[in-house]
Amino acid sequence: MTDHSQQDQQIVARIQMGDKESLVELYRSYNGMISQLVLGMGGSQDDVDDVFQESLIAIWENMRKPDFTLSSKLSTYLYSIAKNQCMRLLDKRKRTQNEDPLEHTRKVEGPTPDKAMDESLVRKALQQLGDLCRSVLIMYYYDGFDMKNIAKAHHFTNANVAKSKKYQCLKQLEGLVKQKYSASDFLR
């Protein structure tokens, strides 16, 4: 085992023990690499920060799973996650730039109460979910990812596991919304 792979395994072990300082070390060590990646893909400096933050969250969640094993260099693993995060961010931006600006207005102005919902309340409740649930729901409902890609992004066994997790998270979100708000809170 080389010194580099020993160092990688030490960082993994520290993350698995809950040492958040190890994320700061990852940030310092790989900031230049991630910056080059994101800027090279057409992202901005703000995108670099967003992608790196989301990548570190994903690394934290993945490495804290009991069955996690690092099967590549840590830099390769981080690069792969960051590349996926960047592609997702840029794809989402591209889709929203190509949308009809009046489309969202038409959805909200409909005559039925469900179309007149105040989505900001749902978004507030969404922020109270755990990182994994929030990520799964955002990928599915906001980013338009299918279950196969969600499973791959979160290292679930298959699309059925992702579908089950989405259902659990949606129920959790529904419980939060029902606990904090009444139906009249959602009507504008």
N, C-alpha and C. Protein backbone atom coordinates (compact mmCIF):
# COMPACT_ATOMS: atom_id res chain seq x y z
N MET A 1 0.84 -1.18 0.00
CA MET A 1 0.00 0.00 0.00
C MET A 1 0.89 1.24 0.00
N THR A 2 0.64 2.16 -0.92
CA THR A 2 1.46 3.37 -1.01
C THR A 2 1.09 4.35 0.08
N ASP A 3 1.97 5.34 0.28
CA ASP A 3 1.68 6.37 1.27
C ASP A 3 0.40 7.11 0.93
N HIS A 4 0.22 7.35 -0.39
CA HIS A 4 -0.96 8.09 -0.81
C HIS A 4 -2.24 7.34 -0.46
N SER A 5 -2.27 6.03 -0.74
CA SER A 5 -3.48 5.27 -0.44
C SER A 5 -3.68 5.12 1.07
N GLN A 6 -2.59 5.08 1.83
CA GLN A 6 -2.72 5.06 3.29
C GLN A 6 -3.34 6.37 3.77
N GLN A 7 -2.90 7.46 3.19
CA GLN A 7 -3.44 8.76 3.56
C GLN A 7 -4.93 8.83 3.21
N ASP A 8 -5.31 8.32 2.04
CA ASP A 8 -6.72 8.28 1.65
C ASP A 8 -7.53 7.48 2.65
N GLN A 9 -7.02 6.31 3.03
CA GLN A 9 -7.74 5.45 3.98
C GLN A 9 -7.86 6.12 5.35
N GLN A 10 -6.85 6.89 5.74
CA GLN A 10 -6.92 7.61 7.01
C GLN A 10 -8.03 8.66 6.97
N ILE A 11 -8.14 9.36 5.85
CA ILE A 11 -9.20 10.37 5.72
C ILE A 11 -10.57 9.70 5.75
N VAL A 12 -10.72 8.57 5.04
CA VAL A 12 -11.98 7.83 5.06
C VAL A 12 -12.32 7.42 6.49
N ALA A 13 -11.33 6.90 7.20
CA ALA A 13 -11.57 6.46 8.58
C ALA A 13 -12.00 7.64 9.46
N ARG A 14 -11.37 8.79 9.26
CA ARG A 14 -11.73 9.97 10.06
C ARG A 14 -13.16 10.42 9.75
N ILE A 15 -13.53 10.38 8.48
CA ILE A 15 -14.90 10.75 8.12
C ILE A 15 -15.89 9.75 8.72
N GLN A 16 -15.56 8.48 8.66
CA GLN A 16 -16.44 7.46 9.22
C GLN A 16 -16.61 7.62 10.73
N MET A 17 -15.62 8.22 11.38
CA MET A 17 -15.72 8.48 12.82
C MET A 17 -16.41 9.82 13.09
N GLY A 18 -16.77 10.56 12.05
CA GLY A 18 -17.50 11.81 12.22
C GLY A 18 -16.62 13.04 12.34
N ASP A 19 -15.37 12.95 11.94
CA ASP A 19 -14.44 14.07 12.02
C ASP A 19 -14.67 15.04 10.87
N LYS A 20 -15.38 16.12 11.13
CA LYS A 20 -15.72 17.09 10.09
C LYS A 20 -14.51 17.90 9.63
N GLU A 21 -13.49 17.96 10.43
CA GLU A 21 -12.26 18.66 10.05
C GLU A 21 -11.62 18.01 8.82
N SER A 22 -11.86 16.72 8.64
CA SER A 22 -11.31 16.03 7.47
C SER A 22 -11.90 16.59 6.17
N LEU A 23 -13.15 17.10 6.22
CA LEU A 23 -13.75 17.73 5.04
C LEU A 23 -13.03 19.03 4.70
N VAL A 24 -12.62 19.75 5.73
CA VAL A 24 -11.87 20.99 5.50
C VAL A 24 -10.54 20.66 4.82
N GLU A 25 -9.91 19.58 5.26
CA GLU A 25 -8.67 19.15 4.63
C GLU A 25 -8.89 18.76 3.17
N LEU A 26 -9.99 18.06 2.89
CA LEU A 26 -10.31 17.71 1.51
C LEU A 26 -10.50 18.97 0.67
N TYR A 27 -11.18 19.94 1.25
CA TYR A 27 -11.42 21.20 0.54
C TYR A 27 -10.08 21.87 0.19
N ARG A 28 -9.21 21.95 1.18
CA ARG A 28 -7.91 22.59 0.94
C ARG A 28 -7.07 21.82 -0.08
N SER A 29 -7.10 20.50 0.01
CA SER A 29 -6.27 19.68 -0.87
C SER A 29 -6.75 19.66 -2.31
N TYR A 30 -8.06 19.71 -2.51
CA TYR A 30 -8.60 19.48 -3.86
C TYR A 30 -9.36 20.67 -4.42
N ASN A 31 -9.26 21.82 -3.80
CA ASN A 31 -9.97 23.00 -4.29
C ASN A 31 -9.54 23.36 -5.71
N GLY A 32 -8.26 23.32 -5.99
CA GLY A 32 -7.77 23.65 -7.32
C GLY A 32 -8.27 22.68 -8.37
N MET A 33 -8.27 21.40 -8.05
CA MET A 33 -8.72 20.37 -8.99
C MET A 33 -10.20 20.56 -9.33
N ILE A 34 -11.02 20.80 -8.32
CA ILE A 34 -12.46 20.96 -8.54
C ILE A 34 -12.73 22.27 -9.27
N SER A 35 -11.98 23.30 -8.93
CA SER A 35 -12.14 24.58 -9.61
C SER A 35 -11.85 24.43 -11.10
N GLN A 36 -10.75 23.76 -11.45
CA GLN A 36 -10.42 23.52 -12.86
C GLN A 36 -11.52 22.72 -13.56
N LEU A 37 -12.03 21.71 -12.88
CA LEU A 37 -13.08 20.87 -13.46
C LEU A 37 -14.32 21.70 -13.80
N VAL A 38 -14.83 22.43 -12.80
CA VAL A 38 -16.08 23.17 -12.97
C VAL A 38 -15.91 24.29 -13.99
N LEU A 39 -14.84 25.05 -13.89
CA LEU A 39 -14.61 26.13 -14.84
C LEU A 39 -14.40 25.57 -16.25
N GLY A 40 -13.73 24.44 -16.34
CA GLY A 40 -13.51 23.79 -17.63
C GLY A 40 -14.80 23.27 -18.26
N MET A 41 -15.80 22.99 -17.44
CA MET A 41 -17.09 22.52 -17.95
C MET A 41 -18.02 23.68 -18.27
N GLY A 42 -17.54 24.91 -18.04
CA GLY A 42 -18.35 26.08 -18.36
C GLY A 42 -19.06 26.70 -17.17
N GLY A 43 -18.71 26.27 -15.97
CA GLY A 43 -19.32 26.84 -14.77
C GLY A 43 -18.60 28.10 -14.33
N SER A 44 -19.20 28.78 -13.36
CA SER A 44 -18.63 30.01 -12.81
C SER A 44 -17.92 29.71 -11.49
N GLN A 45 -17.31 30.72 -10.91
CA GLN A 45 -16.66 30.54 -9.61
C GLN A 45 -17.70 30.21 -8.54
N ASP A 46 -18.88 30.81 -8.63
CA ASP A 46 -19.97 30.46 -7.69
C ASP A 46 -20.35 29.00 -7.85
N ASP A 47 -20.35 28.52 -9.09
CA ASP A 47 -20.65 27.11 -9.34
C ASP A 47 -19.60 26.21 -8.69
N VAL A 48 -18.35 26.64 -8.72
CA VAL A 48 -17.28 25.87 -8.09
C VAL A 48 -17.62 25.64 -6.62
N ASP A 49 -18.00 26.71 -5.94
CA ASP A 49 -18.34 26.61 -4.52
C ASP A 49 -19.53 25.69 -4.29
N ASP A 50 -20.58 25.84 -5.12
CA ASP A 50 -21.78 25.01 -4.98
C ASP A 50 -21.47 23.54 -5.23
N VAL A 51 -20.75 23.29 -6.30
CA VAL A 51 -20.42 21.91 -6.67
C VAL A 51 -19.55 21.27 -5.59
N PHE A 52 -18.57 22.00 -5.11
CA PHE A 52 -17.67 21.43 -4.10
C PHE A 52 -18.44 21.15 -2.80
N GLN A 53 -19.30 22.06 -2.42
CA GLN A 53 -20.08 21.85 -1.19
C GLN A 53 -20.98 20.62 -1.33
N GLU A 54 -21.69 20.51 -2.44
CA GLU A 54 -22.56 19.35 -2.66
C GLU A 54 -21.75 18.06 -2.73
N SER A 55 -20.57 18.13 -3.32
CA SER A 55 -19.70 16.95 -3.43
C SER A 55 -19.23 16.50 -2.05
N LEU A 56 -18.85 17.44 -1.22
CA LEU A 56 -18.41 17.09 0.13
C LEU A 56 -19.55 16.50 0.95
N ILE A 57 -20.75 17.01 0.76
CA ILE A 57 -21.92 16.44 1.45
C ILE A 57 -22.12 14.99 1.00
N ALA A 58 -22.03 14.76 -0.31
CA ALA A 58 -22.20 13.41 -0.84
C ALA A 58 -21.12 12.47 -0.31
N ILE A 59 -19.89 12.96 -0.27
CA ILE A 59 -18.79 12.14 0.26
C ILE A 59 -19.05 11.80 1.73
N TRP A 60 -19.45 12.78 2.49
CA TRP A 60 -19.74 12.57 3.91
C TRP A 60 -20.81 11.49 4.07
N GLU A 61 -21.91 11.63 3.32
CA GLU A 61 -23.01 10.66 3.42
C GLU A 61 -22.57 9.27 2.98
N ASN A 62 -21.86 9.19 1.86
CA ASN A 62 -21.45 7.89 1.34
C ASN A 62 -20.46 7.19 2.25
N MET A 63 -19.47 7.92 2.72
CA MET A 63 -18.42 7.31 3.53
C MET A 63 -18.92 6.93 4.93
N ARG A 64 -20.00 7.54 5.35
CA ARG A 64 -20.54 7.22 6.68
C ARG A 64 -21.42 5.98 6.65
N LYS A 65 -21.68 5.44 5.46
CA LYS A 65 -22.44 4.19 5.35
C LYS A 65 -21.56 3.05 5.85
N PRO A 66 -22.13 2.12 6.60
CA PRO A 66 -21.32 1.05 7.19
C PRO A 66 -20.60 0.17 6.17
N ASP A 67 -21.16 0.02 4.98
CA ASP A 67 -20.55 -0.88 4.00
C ASP A 67 -19.66 -0.15 3.00
N PHE A 68 -19.32 1.11 3.25
CA PHE A 68 -18.51 1.87 2.30
C PHE A 68 -17.07 1.38 2.28
N THR A 69 -16.54 1.20 1.07
CA THR A 69 -15.11 0.96 0.89
C THR A 69 -14.64 1.81 -0.28
N LEU A 70 -13.51 2.43 -0.11
CA LEU A 70 -12.93 3.26 -1.16
C LEU A 70 -12.19 2.34 -2.12
N SER A 71 -12.68 2.27 -3.36
CA SER A 71 -12.10 1.34 -4.32
C SER A 71 -11.24 2.05 -5.36
N SER A 72 -11.04 3.35 -5.18
CA SER A 72 -10.18 4.12 -6.07
C SER A 72 -9.43 5.14 -5.23
N LYS A 73 -8.59 5.93 -5.89
CA LYS A 73 -7.94 7.01 -5.16
C LYS A 73 -9.02 8.00 -4.71
N LEU A 74 -8.81 8.61 -3.58
CA LEU A 74 -9.77 9.57 -3.05
C LEU A 74 -9.98 10.72 -4.03
N SER A 75 -8.92 11.17 -4.67
CA SER A 75 -9.04 12.27 -5.64
C SER A 75 -9.92 11.86 -6.82
N THR A 76 -9.81 10.62 -7.26
CA THR A 76 -10.63 10.11 -8.36
C THR A 76 -12.10 10.04 -7.95
N TYR A 77 -12.33 9.58 -6.74
CA TYR A 77 -13.68 9.46 -6.21
C TYR A 77 -14.32 10.85 -6.10
N LEU A 78 -13.60 11.81 -5.53
CA LEU A 78 -14.10 13.18 -5.39
C LEU A 78 -14.34 13.79 -6.77
N TYR A 79 -13.43 13.60 -7.69
CA TYR A 79 -13.56 14.14 -9.04
C TYR A 79 -14.83 13.61 -9.72
N SER A 80 -15.08 12.33 -9.57
CA SER A 80 -16.26 11.71 -10.17
C SER A 80 -17.54 12.31 -9.60
N ILE A 81 -17.60 12.45 -8.30
CA ILE A 81 -18.79 13.03 -7.66
C ILE A 81 -18.95 14.48 -8.10
N ALA A 82 -17.87 15.24 -8.10
CA ALA A 82 -17.94 16.65 -8.49
C ALA A 82 -18.37 16.80 -9.95
N LYS A 83 -17.87 15.94 -10.80
CA LYS A 83 -18.25 16.00 -12.22
C LYS A 83 -19.75 15.76 -12.37
N ASN A 84 -20.28 14.77 -11.66
CA ASN A 84 -21.72 14.50 -11.71
C ASN A 84 -22.52 15.68 -11.16
N GLN A 85 -22.06 16.25 -10.05
CA GLN A 85 -22.74 17.40 -9.46
C GLN A 85 -22.74 18.58 -10.44
N CYS A 86 -21.61 18.80 -11.10
CA CYS A 86 -21.49 19.91 -12.05
C CYS A 86 -22.40 19.69 -13.26
N MET A 87 -22.41 18.47 -13.78
CA MET A 87 -23.28 18.19 -14.92
C MET A 87 -24.74 18.41 -14.55
N ARG A 88 -25.13 18.00 -13.35
CA ARG A 88 -26.50 18.19 -12.87
C ARG A 88 -26.83 19.68 -12.77
N LEU A 89 -25.92 20.45 -12.20
CA LEU A 89 -26.13 21.89 -12.03
C LEU A 89 -26.25 22.59 -13.38
N LEU A 90 -25.33 22.30 -14.28
CA LEU A 90 -25.35 22.95 -15.59
C LEU A 90 -26.54 22.50 -16.43
N ASP A 91 -26.93 21.24 -16.31
CA ASP A 91 -28.10 20.75 -17.03
C ASP A 91 -29.37 21.43 -16.52
N LYS A 92 -29.47 21.57 -15.21
CA LYS A 92 -30.63 22.24 -14.62
C LYS A 92 -30.69 23.70 -15.09
N ARG A 93 -29.57 24.36 -15.09
CA ARG A 93 -29.52 25.75 -15.54
C ARG A 93 -29.94 25.86 -17.00
N LYS A 94 -29.45 24.93 -17.82
CA LYS A 94 -29.79 24.94 -19.25
C LYS A 94 -31.29 24.74 -19.45
N ARG A 95 -31.88 23.82 -18.69
CA ARG A 95 -33.31 23.57 -18.82
C ARG A 95 -34.13 24.77 -18.37
N THR A 96 -33.73 25.43 -17.29
CA THR A 96 -34.50 26.58 -16.83
C THR A 96 -34.34 27.78 -17.75
N GLN A 97 -33.20 27.90 -18.43
CA GLN A 97 -33.02 29.00 -19.38
C GLN A 97 -33.86 28.79 -20.64
N ASN A 98 -34.14 27.54 -20.96
CA ASN A 98 -34.92 27.24 -22.16
C ASN A 98 -36.43 27.20 -21.90
N GLU A 99 -36.84 27.36 -20.65
CA GLU A 99 -38.26 27.32 -20.33
C GLU A 99 -38.94 28.64 -20.71
N ASP A 100 -40.23 28.54 -20.93
CA ASP A 100 -41.06 29.71 -21.18
C ASP A 100 -41.22 30.45 -19.85
N PRO A 101 -40.82 31.72 -19.75
CA PRO A 101 -40.90 32.44 -18.47
C PRO A 101 -42.32 32.54 -17.93
N LEU A 102 -43.33 32.44 -18.79
CA LEU A 102 -44.71 32.53 -18.32
C LEU A 102 -45.25 31.19 -17.86
N GLU A 103 -44.50 30.12 -18.13
CA GLU A 103 -44.98 28.78 -17.79
C GLU A 103 -45.26 28.66 -16.29
N HIS A 104 -44.35 29.13 -15.44
CA HIS A 104 -44.54 29.02 -14.00
C HIS A 104 -45.72 29.87 -13.54
N THR A 105 -45.91 31.02 -14.16
CA THR A 105 -47.01 31.89 -13.80
C THR A 105 -48.33 31.21 -14.11
N ARG A 106 -48.42 30.60 -15.27
CA ARG A 106 -49.66 29.92 -15.65
C ARG A 106 -49.95 28.79 -14.67
N LYS A 107 -48.95 28.07 -14.23
CA LYS A 107 -49.17 26.98 -13.28
C LYS A 107 -49.76 27.50 -11.98
N VAL A 108 -49.26 28.61 -11.50
CA VAL A 108 -49.67 29.14 -10.20
C VAL A 108 -51.04 29.82 -10.28
N GLU A 109 -51.37 30.38 -11.45
CA GLU A 109 -52.60 31.14 -11.56
C GLU A 109 -53.83 30.31 -11.83
N GLY A 110 -53.71 28.99 -11.86
CA GLY A 110 -54.86 28.13 -12.16
C GLY A 110 -55.96 28.28 -11.13
N PRO A 111 -57.19 27.89 -11.49
CA PRO A 111 -58.34 28.11 -10.62
C PRO A 111 -58.44 27.14 -9.45
N THR A 112 -57.74 26.01 -9.48
CA THR A 112 -57.87 25.04 -8.41
C THR A 112 -56.89 25.34 -7.29
N PRO A 113 -57.27 25.00 -6.05
CA PRO A 113 -56.41 25.31 -4.90
C PRO A 113 -55.02 24.67 -4.99
N ASP A 114 -54.92 23.46 -5.55
CA ASP A 114 -53.60 22.84 -5.62
C ASP A 114 -52.67 23.60 -6.55
N LYS A 115 -53.19 24.34 -7.51
CA LYS A 115 -52.34 25.11 -8.40
C LYS A 115 -52.05 26.49 -7.82
N ALA A 116 -52.74 26.88 -6.76
CA ALA A 116 -52.51 28.17 -6.13
C ALA A 116 -51.72 28.00 -4.84
N MET A 117 -51.04 26.87 -4.71
CA MET A 117 -50.28 26.61 -3.50
C MET A 117 -49.09 27.54 -3.36
N ASP A 118 -48.78 27.86 -2.13
CA ASP A 118 -47.58 28.63 -1.85
C ASP A 118 -46.43 27.63 -1.71
N GLU A 119 -45.66 27.47 -2.78
CA GLU A 119 -44.59 26.47 -2.80
C GLU A 119 -43.46 26.81 -1.84
N SER A 120 -43.36 28.05 -1.43
CA SER A 120 -42.27 28.43 -0.52
C SER A 120 -42.40 27.70 0.82
N LEU A 121 -43.62 27.39 1.23
CA LEU A 121 -43.81 26.67 2.49
C LEU A 121 -43.31 25.23 2.35
N VAL A 122 -43.54 24.63 1.21
CA VAL A 122 -43.04 23.27 0.97
C VAL A 122 -41.52 23.29 0.93
N ARG A 123 -40.96 24.32 0.28
CA ARG A 123 -39.49 24.41 0.22
C ARG A 123 -38.90 24.59 1.62
N LYS A 124 -39.57 25.34 2.48
CA LYS A 124 -39.07 25.51 3.86
C LYS A 124 -39.07 24.17 4.57
N ALA A 125 -40.14 23.40 4.40
CA ALA A 125 -40.20 22.08 5.02
C ALA A 125 -39.15 21.15 4.43
N LEU A 126 -38.91 21.27 3.14
CA LEU A 126 -37.91 20.46 2.47
C LEU A 126 -36.52 20.69 3.07
N GLN A 127 -36.23 21.92 3.45
CA GLN A 127 -34.92 22.24 4.04
C GLN A 127 -34.74 21.61 5.42
N GLN A 128 -35.85 21.20 6.03
CA GLN A 128 -35.77 20.59 7.36
C GLN A 128 -35.54 19.08 7.29
N LEU A 129 -35.63 18.52 6.11
CA LEU A 129 -35.36 17.09 5.94
C LEU A 129 -33.86 16.84 6.04
N GLY A 130 -33.49 15.61 6.23
CA GLY A 130 -32.09 15.23 6.20
C GLY A 130 -31.52 15.41 4.81
N ASP A 131 -30.20 15.44 4.70
CA ASP A 131 -29.54 15.69 3.42
C ASP A 131 -29.93 14.66 2.35
N LEU A 132 -29.99 13.39 2.73
CA LEU A 132 -30.29 12.35 1.75
C LEU A 132 -31.70 12.52 1.20
N CYS A 133 -32.68 12.69 2.09
CA CYS A 133 -34.06 12.86 1.64
C CYS A 133 -34.21 14.11 0.79
N ARG A 134 -33.62 15.19 1.24
CA ARG A 134 -33.72 16.44 0.48
C ARG A 134 -33.13 16.25 -0.92
N SER A 135 -31.98 15.59 -0.98
CA SER A 135 -31.32 15.37 -2.27
C SER A 135 -32.17 14.49 -3.19
N VAL A 136 -32.72 13.41 -2.66
CA VAL A 136 -33.54 12.50 -3.48
C VAL A 136 -34.76 13.23 -4.02
N LEU A 137 -35.46 13.98 -3.18
CA LEU A 137 -36.66 14.68 -3.62
C LEU A 137 -36.35 15.79 -4.62
N ILE A 138 -35.28 16.52 -4.39
CA ILE A 138 -34.91 17.59 -5.32
C ILE A 138 -34.51 16.99 -6.66
N MET A 139 -33.73 15.92 -6.64
CA MET A 139 -33.33 15.29 -7.90
C MET A 139 -34.55 14.82 -8.69
N TYR A 140 -35.55 14.27 -7.99
CA TYR A 140 -36.71 13.73 -8.68
C TYR A 140 -37.68 14.82 -9.12
N TYR A 141 -38.10 15.67 -8.17
CA TYR A 141 -39.16 16.63 -8.46
C TYR A 141 -38.69 17.92 -9.11
N TYR A 142 -37.49 18.37 -8.79
CA TYR A 142 -37.03 19.64 -9.34
C TYR A 142 -36.07 19.46 -10.52
N ASP A 143 -35.20 18.44 -10.42
CA ASP A 143 -34.20 18.25 -11.47
C ASP A 143 -34.65 17.28 -12.55
N GLY A 144 -35.71 16.51 -12.28
CA GLY A 144 -36.26 15.61 -13.28
C GLY A 144 -35.48 14.33 -13.51
N PHE A 145 -34.68 13.90 -12.54
CA PHE A 145 -33.92 12.66 -12.69
C PHE A 145 -34.84 11.46 -12.52
N ASP A 146 -34.53 10.37 -13.23
CA ASP A 146 -35.29 9.15 -13.05
C ASP A 146 -34.69 8.34 -11.89
N MET A 147 -35.40 7.29 -11.50
CA MET A 147 -34.98 6.49 -10.34
C MET A 147 -33.63 5.81 -10.56
N LYS A 148 -33.36 5.41 -11.78
CA LYS A 148 -32.08 4.74 -12.07
C LYS A 148 -30.91 5.69 -11.79
N ASN A 149 -31.02 6.94 -12.24
CA ASN A 149 -29.94 7.91 -12.01
C ASN A 149 -29.86 8.33 -10.55
N ILE A 150 -30.99 8.41 -9.88
CA ILE A 150 -30.98 8.74 -8.44
C ILE A 150 -30.29 7.61 -7.68
N ALA A 151 -30.61 6.37 -8.04
CA ALA A 151 -29.97 5.22 -7.39
C ALA A 151 -28.46 5.26 -7.59
N LYS A 152 -28.05 5.58 -8.80
CA LYS A 152 -26.61 5.63 -9.11
C LYS A 152 -25.93 6.76 -8.32
N ALA A 153 -26.56 7.93 -8.28
CA ALA A 153 -25.97 9.09 -7.60
C ALA A 153 -25.81 8.86 -6.10
N HIS A 154 -26.73 8.10 -5.52
CA HIS A 154 -26.70 7.88 -4.07
C HIS A 154 -26.21 6.49 -3.70
N HIS A 155 -25.71 5.77 -4.70
CA HIS A 155 -25.16 4.44 -4.48
C HIS A 155 -26.17 3.49 -3.85
N PHE A 156 -27.46 3.61 -4.28
CA PHE A 156 -28.47 2.64 -3.87
C PHE A 156 -28.26 1.39 -4.72
N THR A 157 -28.76 0.28 -4.24
CA THR A 157 -28.60 -0.99 -4.94
C THR A 157 -29.22 -0.97 -6.33
N ASN A 158 -30.44 -0.38 -6.44
CA ASN A 158 -31.11 -0.33 -7.74
C ASN A 158 -32.20 0.75 -7.71
N ALA A 159 -32.92 0.89 -8.82
CA ALA A 159 -33.95 1.91 -8.95
C ALA A 159 -35.10 1.68 -7.99
N ASN A 160 -35.40 0.42 -7.67
CA ASN A 160 -36.49 0.14 -6.72
C ASN A 160 -36.17 0.66 -5.33
N VAL A 161 -34.91 0.56 -4.93
CA VAL A 161 -34.50 1.09 -3.63
C VAL A 161 -34.65 2.61 -3.63
N ALA A 162 -34.26 3.24 -4.74
CA ALA A 162 -34.41 4.70 -4.86
C ALA A 162 -35.87 5.09 -4.81
N LYS A 163 -36.72 4.33 -5.47
CA LYS A 163 -38.17 4.62 -5.48
C LYS A 163 -38.74 4.49 -4.07
N SER A 164 -38.33 3.47 -3.36
CA SER A 164 -38.78 3.28 -1.98
C SER A 164 -38.30 4.43 -1.09
N LYS A 165 -37.05 4.84 -1.28
CA LYS A 165 -36.50 5.95 -0.48
C LYS A 165 -37.24 7.24 -0.80
N LYS A 166 -37.54 7.47 -2.07
CA LYS A 166 -38.29 8.68 -2.46
C LYS A 166 -39.66 8.68 -1.77
N TYR A 167 -40.32 7.53 -1.74
CA TYR A 167 -41.63 7.43 -1.10
C TYR A 167 -41.52 7.73 0.40
N GLN A 168 -40.51 7.15 1.05
CA GLN A 168 -40.30 7.39 2.49
C GLN A 168 -40.04 8.88 2.75
N CYS A 169 -39.21 9.47 1.92
CA CYS A 169 -38.87 10.89 2.09
C CYS A 169 -40.07 11.78 1.83
N LEU A 170 -40.88 11.42 0.83
CA LEU A 170 -42.08 12.20 0.53
C LEU A 170 -43.06 12.14 1.70
N LYS A 171 -43.20 10.97 2.31
CA LYS A 171 -44.06 10.83 3.49
C LYS A 171 -43.52 11.66 4.65
N GLN A 172 -42.21 11.67 4.80
CA GLN A 172 -41.58 12.46 5.86
C GLN A 172 -41.84 13.95 5.62
N LEU A 173 -41.71 14.39 4.38
CA LEU A 173 -41.98 15.78 4.02
C LEU A 173 -43.45 16.12 4.27
N GLU A 174 -44.32 15.22 3.87
CA GLU A 174 -45.76 15.42 4.08
C GLU A 174 -46.07 15.58 5.57
N GLY A 175 -45.44 14.75 6.40
CA GLY A 175 -45.64 14.85 7.85
C GLY A 175 -45.18 16.19 8.39
N LEU A 176 -44.03 16.66 7.92
CA LEU A 176 -43.52 17.98 8.34
C LEU A 176 -44.48 19.09 7.94
N VAL A 177 -44.97 19.03 6.72
CA VAL A 177 -45.89 20.06 6.22
C VAL A 177 -47.18 20.06 7.04
N LYS A 178 -47.73 18.87 7.28
CA LYS A 178 -48.98 18.77 8.05
C LYS A 178 -48.79 19.24 9.50
N GLN A 179 -47.61 18.99 10.04
CA GLN A 179 -47.31 19.37 11.42
C GLN A 179 -47.18 20.88 11.56
N LYS A 180 -46.59 21.53 10.59
CA LYS A 180 -46.27 22.96 10.70
C LYS A 180 -47.32 23.88 10.10
N TYR A 181 -48.11 23.40 9.12
CA TYR A 181 -49.00 24.30 8.40
C TYR A 181 -50.40 23.73 8.29
N SER A 182 -51.36 24.63 8.14
CA SER A 182 -52.74 24.20 7.85
C SER A 182 -53.01 24.43 6.38
N ALA A 183 -54.11 23.91 5.87
CA ALA A 183 -54.42 24.04 4.44
C ALA A 183 -54.53 25.50 4.02
N SER A 184 -55.02 26.35 4.91
CA SER A 184 -55.19 27.76 4.54
C SER A 184 -53.84 28.46 4.36
N ASP A 185 -52.77 27.93 4.95
CA ASP A 185 -51.45 28.53 4.78
C ASP A 185 -50.96 28.42 3.34
N PHE A 186 -51.50 27.47 2.58
CA PHE A 186 -51.01 27.21 1.24
C PHE A 186 -51.72 28.00 0.17
N LEU A 187 -52.81 28.64 0.51
CA LEU A 187 -53.54 29.40 -0.50
C LEU A 187 -53.08 30.83 -0.50
N ARG A 188 -52.86 31.33 -1.68
CA ARG A 188 -52.39 32.72 -1.81
C ARG A 188 -53.56 33.68 -1.79
